[in-house]
Structures are given as C-alpha cells and as structure tokens.
Amino acid sequence: MTTTREQILAASAGWVAVVLNLVPGLGSGYLYQRRWRAYWITSALATSWFVAGAVLGQQAEAAAEAQNQLVGLAGLLALAAVTATEAGLAVKKARQAS
C-alpha cells in the first residue's frame, strides 16, 4: 500500500512544521511535510527579497542602512509568519479531510 501526499501531510506533526518555518525560516517546515512546491516558492520569495534589498541598498547612505536592514528583517519575519501559519492550516485541513 502506498501512502498519498495527503496521508503524509495528515500524519505530520503540525507544530513541528510551524516551528521549522518560524525558527530557521525560509520554508524548512515544508521540507518536513514533503511539500516541495511550497518550499521552492518560499525559497524564491526569500531570494527575491534578498536580491531586491541588495540592489536597492547599493546607493543607500549610511544613515539609511540601518532602516534598510530593519525593513529586510521585517520582510523575512513576515514571510516566516505567513509560511508557518499556512503549514499549520494545511495539516489541519488534511486531518479534517481524512
């Protein structure tokens, strides 16, 4: 008997996926859940955020650099919060469906 994608997701511990998406961030909880598409989308968004920050910060003055770093950190924290919430809701939905 082969396990389906939904069975794997329902069997995963939701809190582990949430913590893995929050603490190291960047979609690590998706790797735990074996949700590759969500992981690569998160990785692409985080990479785009880093690149945009680097490109926009090249011409920044020293006084604006601290503010730019805070904006960059806030963006990554928002991405981690959104992915953690989504990972937890996906487990909940998969368990209700099975």
Protein backbone atom coordinates (compact mmCIF):
# COMPACT_ATOMS: atom_id res chain seq x y z
CA MET A 1 0.00 0.00 0.00
CA THR A 2 1.40 3.37 -1.00
CA THR A 3 0.80 6.47 1.02
CA THR A 4 -0.66 9.52 -0.64
CA ARG A 5 0.54 13.07 -0.32
CA GLU A 6 -2.46 13.94 1.86
CA GLN A 7 -1.80 10.98 4.19
CA ILE A 8 1.80 12.09 4.70
CA LEU A 9 0.65 15.63 5.41
CA ALA A 10 -2.05 14.48 7.85
CA ALA A 11 0.43 12.24 9.67
CA SER A 12 2.96 15.03 10.16
CA ALA A 13 3.06 16.95 13.40
CA GLY A 14 1.68 20.40 12.69
CA TRP A 15 3.62 22.08 15.48
CA VAL A 16 6.92 20.79 14.06
CA ALA A 17 6.17 22.30 10.66
CA VAL A 18 5.17 25.60 12.26
CA VAL A 19 8.31 25.78 14.41
CA LEU A 20 10.56 24.83 11.50
CA ASN A 21 9.05 27.57 9.36
CA LEU A 22 9.41 30.13 12.16
CA VAL A 23 12.80 29.46 13.72
CA PRO A 24 15.16 28.86 10.83
CA GLY A 25 12.57 30.30 8.45
CA LEU A 26 12.73 30.02 4.68
CA GLY A 27 10.29 27.13 4.46
CA SER A 28 12.12 24.41 6.37
CA GLY A 29 8.80 23.12 7.67
CA TYR A 30 7.76 22.41 4.10
CA LEU A 31 10.69 20.02 3.78
CA TYR A 32 9.43 18.21 6.86
CA GLN A 33 5.97 17.99 5.32
CA ARG A 34 7.41 16.97 1.94
CA ARG A 35 5.69 19.87 0.23
CA TRP A 36 8.25 20.69 -2.42
CA ARG A 37 6.27 23.26 -4.42
CA ALA A 38 5.58 25.36 -1.31
CA TYR A 39 9.25 25.09 -0.32
CA TRP A 40 10.52 26.29 -3.69
CA ILE A 41 8.01 29.15 -3.81
CA THR A 42 9.13 30.26 -0.35
CA SER A 43 12.79 29.95 -1.33
CA ALA A 44 12.19 32.03 -4.47
CA LEU A 45 10.39 34.73 -2.46
CA ALA A 46 13.16 34.88 0.14
CA THR A 47 15.86 35.01 -2.53
CA SER A 48 13.98 37.76 -4.37
CA TRP A 49 13.70 39.71 -1.12
CA PHE A 50 17.46 39.40 -0.53
CA VAL A 51 18.30 40.42 -4.10
CA ALA A 52 15.89 43.37 -4.03
CA GLY A 53 17.42 44.54 -0.75
CA ALA A 54 20.93 44.25 -2.13
CA VAL A 55 20.10 46.10 -5.35
CA LEU A 56 18.11 48.86 -3.66
CA GLY A 57 20.64 49.22 -0.86
CA GLN A 58 23.65 49.81 -3.11
CA GLN A 59 23.06 53.55 -3.40
CA ALA A 60 21.84 53.99 0.18
CA GLU A 61 23.59 56.35 2.54
CA ALA A 62 24.99 55.16 5.84
CA ALA A 63 22.11 56.69 7.79
CA ALA A 64 19.52 54.79 5.75
CA GLU A 65 21.38 51.48 6.00
CA ALA A 66 20.03 50.64 9.47
CA GLN A 67 16.48 51.33 8.31
CA ASN A 68 17.00 49.17 5.21
CA GLN A 69 18.22 46.31 7.39
CA LEU A 70 15.11 46.60 9.59
CA VAL A 71 12.85 46.55 6.52
CA GLY A 72 14.68 43.47 5.23
CA LEU A 73 14.37 41.69 8.56
CA ALA A 74 10.69 42.61 8.85
CA GLY A 75 10.05 41.16 5.41
CA LEU A 76 11.73 37.88 6.27
CA LEU A 77 9.86 37.68 9.58
CA ALA A 78 6.57 38.31 7.76
CA LEU A 79 7.42 35.56 5.27
CA ALA A 80 8.21 33.18 8.15
CA ALA A 81 4.93 34.03 9.90
CA VAL A 82 2.87 33.51 6.76
CA THR A 83 4.54 30.19 5.89
CA ALA A 84 4.24 28.93 9.47
CA THR A 85 0.54 29.76 9.56
CA GLU A 86 -0.04 28.15 6.19
CA ALA A 87 1.83 24.98 7.18
CA GLY A 88 -0.26 24.60 10.33
CA LEU A 89 -3.50 25.20 8.44
CA ALA A 90 -2.52 22.67 5.77
CA VAL A 91 -2.08 19.95 8.40
CA LYS A 92 -5.40 20.86 9.97
CA LYS A 93 -7.16 20.73 6.60
CA ALA A 94 -5.55 17.39 5.69
CA ARG A 95 -6.62 15.85 9.01
CA GLN A 96 -10.19 17.06 8.62
CA ALA A 97 -10.36 15.64 5.10
CA SER A 98 -9.21 12.18 6.18
